[in-house]
Protein backbone atom coordinates (compact mmCIF):
# COMPACT_ATOMS: atom_id res chain seq x y z
CA MET A 1 160.05 22.91 44.92
CA LYS A 2 161.20 19.51 43.80
CA ILE A 3 158.17 17.00 42.41
CA GLY A 4 159.38 12.92 42.57
CA PHE A 5 157.01 10.47 40.53
CA ILE A 6 156.98 6.50 41.90
CA GLY A 7 155.89 4.84 38.77
CA CYS A 8 156.77 6.20 35.46
CA GLY A 9 153.97 5.13 33.41
CA ASN A 10 151.80 7.03 30.71
CA MET A 11 149.99 8.90 33.16
CA ALA A 12 153.18 10.03 35.19
CA GLY A 13 154.58 11.02 31.09
CA ALA A 14 151.60 13.24 30.82
CA ILE A 15 151.84 14.89 34.10
CA ILE A 16 155.82 15.33 33.60
CA GLY A 17 155.08 16.58 30.34
CA GLY A 18 152.68 19.22 31.55
CA LEU A 19 154.92 20.65 34.12
CA LEU A 20 157.82 21.02 31.92
CA ASP A 21 155.61 22.70 28.68
CA SER A 22 154.46 24.97 31.29
CA GLY A 23 157.57 26.68 32.01
CA ALA A 24 156.68 26.31 35.70
CA TYR A 25 159.08 23.65 36.54
CA HIS A 26 162.40 22.48 35.06
CA LYS A 27 164.12 18.75 34.48
CA GLU A 28 166.19 19.27 37.22
CA ASP A 29 162.90 19.95 39.49
CA ILE A 30 161.54 16.56 38.77
CA ILE A 31 162.61 12.99 39.45
CA GLY A 32 161.24 9.62 38.87
CA ALA A 33 161.37 6.15 40.11
CA ASP A 34 159.90 2.54 38.69
CA VAL A 35 161.04 -1.01 39.26
CA TYR A 36 160.80 -1.35 35.32
CA ALA A 37 163.78 -0.69 33.50
CA PRO A 38 162.21 0.00 30.10
CA SER A 39 159.81 2.95 31.49
CA ARG A 40 163.11 4.49 33.36
CA GLU A 41 164.67 4.70 30.10
CA LYS A 42 161.78 5.99 28.07
CA THR A 43 160.95 8.47 30.68
CA ALA A 44 164.73 9.61 30.64
CA LYS A 45 164.94 9.83 27.26
CA ASN A 46 161.31 11.48 26.93
CA PHE A 47 162.33 14.25 29.47
CA GLY A 48 165.76 14.58 30.04
CA ILE A 49 164.87 14.07 33.82
CA LYS A 50 166.95 12.19 36.74
CA VAL A 51 165.25 8.56 37.07
CA THR A 52 166.17 5.60 39.43
CA ASP A 53 165.08 2.55 40.80
CA GLN A 54 164.83 3.57 44.23
CA ASN A 55 161.65 5.02 45.52
CA LEU A 56 163.35 6.12 48.54
CA GLU A 57 165.47 8.44 46.58
CA VAL A 58 162.57 10.24 45.41
CA VAL A 59 160.87 10.53 48.75
CA SER A 60 164.33 11.71 50.27
CA LEU A 61 164.32 14.89 47.31
CA ALA A 62 160.64 15.50 46.83
CA ASP A 63 158.38 18.20 48.28
CA ILE A 64 155.37 16.67 46.33
CA VAL A 65 155.70 12.84 45.63
CA VAL A 66 152.95 11.68 42.89
CA LEU A 67 152.32 7.83 43.43
CA SER A 68 151.24 6.69 40.30
CA VAL A 69 151.53 2.66 40.59
CA LYS A 70 148.73 0.14 40.02
CA PRO A 71 146.85 -0.74 42.75
CA GLN A 72 148.08 -4.08 43.28
CA PHE A 73 151.36 -2.67 43.89
CA VAL A 74 150.73 0.51 46.07
CA GLU A 75 150.40 -1.35 49.48
CA GLU A 76 154.16 -2.93 48.91
CA VAL A 77 155.48 0.82 47.83
CA ILE A 78 153.95 2.87 50.74
CA LYS A 79 155.21 -0.12 53.40
CA ASP A 80 159.00 0.30 51.47
CA ILE A 81 158.61 4.15 52.21
CA ARG A 82 156.29 4.78 54.91
CA ASP A 83 159.29 4.99 57.55
CA HIS A 84 161.18 7.35 55.45
CA VAL A 85 158.09 10.18 54.60
CA ARG A 86 158.16 13.56 56.14
CA GLU A 87 155.11 14.87 57.70
CA ASP A 88 155.33 18.02 55.44
CA GLN A 89 155.31 15.99 52.39
CA LEU A 90 152.34 16.70 49.80
CA PHE A 91 151.29 12.93 48.34
CA ILE A 92 149.02 12.85 45.14
CA THR A 93 147.80 9.64 44.48
CA ILE A 94 146.77 8.21 41.06
CA ILE A 95 145.30 4.98 42.13
CA PRO A 96 141.86 3.98 41.63
CA GLY A 97 140.20 2.51 44.42
CA LYS A 98 142.52 3.33 47.13
CA THR A 99 140.81 5.73 49.44
CA LEU A 100 142.02 8.48 51.62
CA ALA A 101 141.63 6.27 54.77
CA TRP A 102 142.94 3.08 53.52
CA LEU A 103 146.02 5.29 52.30
CA ASN A 104 146.50 6.79 55.80
CA GLU A 105 146.40 3.60 57.25
CA THR A 106 148.94 1.59 55.31
CA PHE A 107 151.40 4.69 55.80
CA GLY A 108 150.26 4.32 59.39
CA LYS A 109 149.95 7.71 60.07
CA GLU A 110 147.62 10.56 58.67
CA MET A 111 149.59 12.10 55.59
CA LYS A 112 148.69 15.22 53.51
CA ILE A 113 147.41 13.25 50.55
CA ILE A 114 145.76 14.59 47.63
CA ARG A 115 143.50 11.49 45.80
CA THR A 116 142.82 11.99 42.01
CA MET A 117 141.16 10.32 39.19
CA PRO A 118 142.72 11.56 35.79
CA ASN A 119 142.22 10.01 31.99
CA THR A 120 144.28 9.64 29.29
CA PRO A 121 143.68 12.70 27.48
CA ALA A 122 146.26 14.44 29.85
CA LEU A 123 148.48 13.37 27.59
CA VAL A 124 147.51 16.02 24.89
CA LYS A 125 147.38 18.10 27.98
CA GLU A 126 143.13 17.75 27.50
CA GLY A 127 142.96 15.62 30.89
CA MET A 128 139.95 15.87 33.17
CA THR A 129 140.66 14.89 36.59
CA GLY A 130 138.96 14.39 39.58
CA VAL A 131 140.52 15.70 43.13
CA CYS A 132 139.84 14.84 46.51
CA ALA A 133 141.88 16.48 49.83
CA GLY A 134 142.39 14.79 53.27
CA ASP A 135 142.06 16.34 56.10
CA LYS A 136 145.53 17.19 56.60
CA VAL A 137 145.62 19.26 53.37
CA THR A 138 145.74 23.10 53.74
CA GLU A 139 144.37 25.20 51.30
CA GLU A 140 147.95 25.96 50.36
CA ASP A 141 149.04 22.68 49.72
CA LEU A 142 145.73 21.82 47.69
CA LYS A 143 146.75 24.87 45.41
CA LYS A 144 150.31 23.43 44.95
CA GLY A 145 148.40 19.83 44.01
CA LEU A 146 146.13 21.97 41.44
CA GLU A 147 149.08 23.59 40.28
CA VAL A 148 150.47 20.27 39.19
CA LEU A 149 147.17 18.58 37.86
CA ASN A 150 145.87 21.47 35.92
CA ALA A 151 149.05 21.28 33.79
CA PHE A 152 147.82 18.70 32.02
CA GLY A 153 143.94 19.42 31.70
CA ARG A 154 141.43 20.59 33.85
CA THR A 155 140.68 19.80 37.29
CA VAL A 156 136.85 19.17 39.52
CA ALA A 157 137.05 19.02 43.17
CA ILE A 158 134.54 16.56 44.64
CA LYS A 159 133.24 14.51 47.44
CA GLU A 160 135.51 10.91 48.15
CA GLU A 161 132.35 9.12 47.78
CA LEU A 162 132.05 10.32 44.26
CA LEU A 163 135.40 9.71 42.74
CA ASP A 164 134.42 5.90 41.84
CA ILE A 165 131.08 7.08 39.49
CA LEU A 166 133.59 9.85 38.12
CA THR A 167 135.90 6.94 37.22
CA GLY A 168 133.00 5.33 35.18
CA VAL A 169 132.45 9.01 33.69
CA SER A 170 135.73 10.54 33.05
CA GLY A 171 138.51 7.89 34.17
CA CYS A 172 136.80 5.01 31.83
CA GLY A 173 135.36 7.85 29.36
CA PRO A 174 138.01 7.54 27.06
CA ALA A 175 137.60 3.93 25.89
CA TYR A 176 134.30 4.54 25.41
CA CYS A 177 134.64 7.25 23.51
CA PHE A 178 137.30 5.46 21.25
CA LEU A 179 134.89 2.60 20.61
CA PHE A 180 132.24 5.24 19.07
CA ILE A 181 134.75 6.77 17.10
CA GLU A 182 135.96 3.28 15.96
CA ALA A 183 131.94 2.27 15.22
CA LEU A 184 131.68 5.44 13.58
CA ALA A 185 134.46 4.65 11.37
CA ASP A 186 133.73 1.51 10.45
CA ALA A 187 129.93 2.58 9.34
CA GLY A 188 131.84 5.14 7.05
CA VAL A 189 133.86 2.28 5.83
CA VAL A 190 131.05 -0.15 5.16
CA GLY A 191 129.54 2.88 3.00
CA GLY A 192 132.59 3.25 0.77
CA LEU A 193 134.78 5.67 2.85
CA SER A 194 138.53 4.87 3.28
CA ARG A 195 139.63 4.04 6.41
CA SER A 196 141.58 7.19 6.87
CA GLN A 197 139.02 9.54 5.95
CA ALA A 198 136.55 7.55 8.28
CA TYR A 199 138.79 7.76 11.12
CA GLU A 200 139.27 11.68 10.58
CA LEU A 201 135.53 12.32 10.33
CA ALA A 202 134.96 10.58 13.48
CA ALA A 203 137.41 11.83 15.37
CA GLN A 204 137.12 15.56 14.45
CA THR A 205 133.06 15.11 14.82
CA LEU A 206 133.66 14.23 18.32
CA LEU A 207 136.19 16.60 19.06
CA GLY A 208 134.28 19.56 17.62
CA SER A 209 131.10 18.36 19.41
CA ALA A 210 132.64 18.62 22.83
CA LYS A 211 134.01 21.73 22.13
CA LEU A 212 130.65 23.06 21.16
CA PHE A 213 129.29 21.97 24.19
CA LEU A 214 131.79 23.46 26.45
CA GLU A 215 131.88 26.43 25.00
CA SER A 216 128.39 27.18 23.97
CA GLY A 217 126.67 26.48 27.65
CA LYS A 218 124.46 24.91 26.06
CA HIS A 219 122.33 21.76 27.18
CA PRO A 220 123.25 18.79 24.90
CA GLY A 221 119.69 18.18 24.16
CA GLU A 222 119.17 21.53 22.23
CA LEU A 223 122.46 21.12 20.35
CA LYS A 224 121.13 17.34 19.33
CA ASP A 225 117.93 19.31 18.50
CA MET A 226 119.93 21.61 16.52
CA VAL A 227 121.18 19.09 14.19
CA CYS A 228 117.74 17.05 13.97
CA SER A 229 115.88 18.53 11.17
CA PRO A 230 112.60 17.53 11.13
CA GLY A 231 111.76 14.14 9.59
CA GLY A 232 115.80 14.30 8.52
CA ALA A 233 118.49 11.87 8.14
CA THR A 234 119.72 12.78 11.82
CA ILE A 235 116.62 12.10 13.59
CA GLU A 236 116.69 8.92 11.76
CA GLY A 237 119.60 7.86 12.67
CA VAL A 238 118.95 9.34 16.78
CA ARG A 239 116.10 6.97 16.45
CA THR A 240 117.81 3.97 15.33
CA LEU A 241 120.13 4.20 18.05
CA GLU A 242 117.18 4.67 20.80
CA ASN A 243 115.86 1.81 19.66
CA MET A 244 119.21 0.05 20.39
CA GLY A 245 119.20 0.95 23.80
CA PHE A 246 122.11 3.59 22.75
CA ARG A 247 121.79 5.66 26.45
CA SER A 248 120.83 2.58 28.27
CA ALA A 249 124.16 0.67 27.15
CA VAL A 250 125.96 3.83 27.82
CA MET A 251 124.88 4.69 31.11
CA GLU A 252 125.09 0.55 32.26
CA ALA A 253 128.87 0.68 31.38
CA VAL A 254 129.37 3.72 33.40
CA LEU A 255 127.61 2.18 36.37
CA ALA A 256 129.62 -1.45 35.90
CA SER A 257 132.61 0.49 35.83
CA ALA A 258 131.88 2.61 38.86
CA ASP A 259 130.89 -0.84 40.50
CA LYS A 260 134.45 -2.51 39.19
CA SER A 261 136.31 0.40 40.77
CA ARG A 262 134.85 0.37 44.36
CA SER A 263 136.00 -3.30 44.25
CA LEU A 264 139.75 -2.71 43.74
């Protein structure tokens, strides 16, 4: 089975790297296309796959086509390829705001489409991807699609109407996490830590906390309470965060991101 990528940016690179690392696919099984020469050169250098500037070459060769272009370019790309796609081809899209209905309408016919929203931790094989399959996608198609998507992290199947809020939580969430790491580190630097020490402390703390939550099965509030000794330093910090509207700020950021995703 051959997999083709239209758009060879960071997310496509994460998927390609995951597929090759899994051992299930070899470089001869993957082809990419990108109109931007530096992206083609980077992809060919990093992975050794065939890369072209012709989208139609990908469509003619691939059994699974991953559309990973920016939302403002996807209509042009689909119009370029739609007269050459096969009904048996499976399309995986990584395009915010473009619904299954819009995609089928733009193709001019109902296609086998799995709409997804991954995130940038896919670059280190720790991605979180929301998955919504179109009506024509069979169980076997979905299985093949998930094999691709699980190569770089975890997947969760959700209703299409929830993809925008998922975008706000996990699609945009890494930016909020990096902002929090930066803020933790900045405070450490104010207190006298070196920049490198502060970043390592902050980043490993987030990594370890996330791992503890996922593996313990405990509620996050319970895990928080385990750190908050009566009258201690942690509960004083939590009180300060609550006074500064920490939770509300995060919630509003997620909801704003979801609203923006719907408008794209």
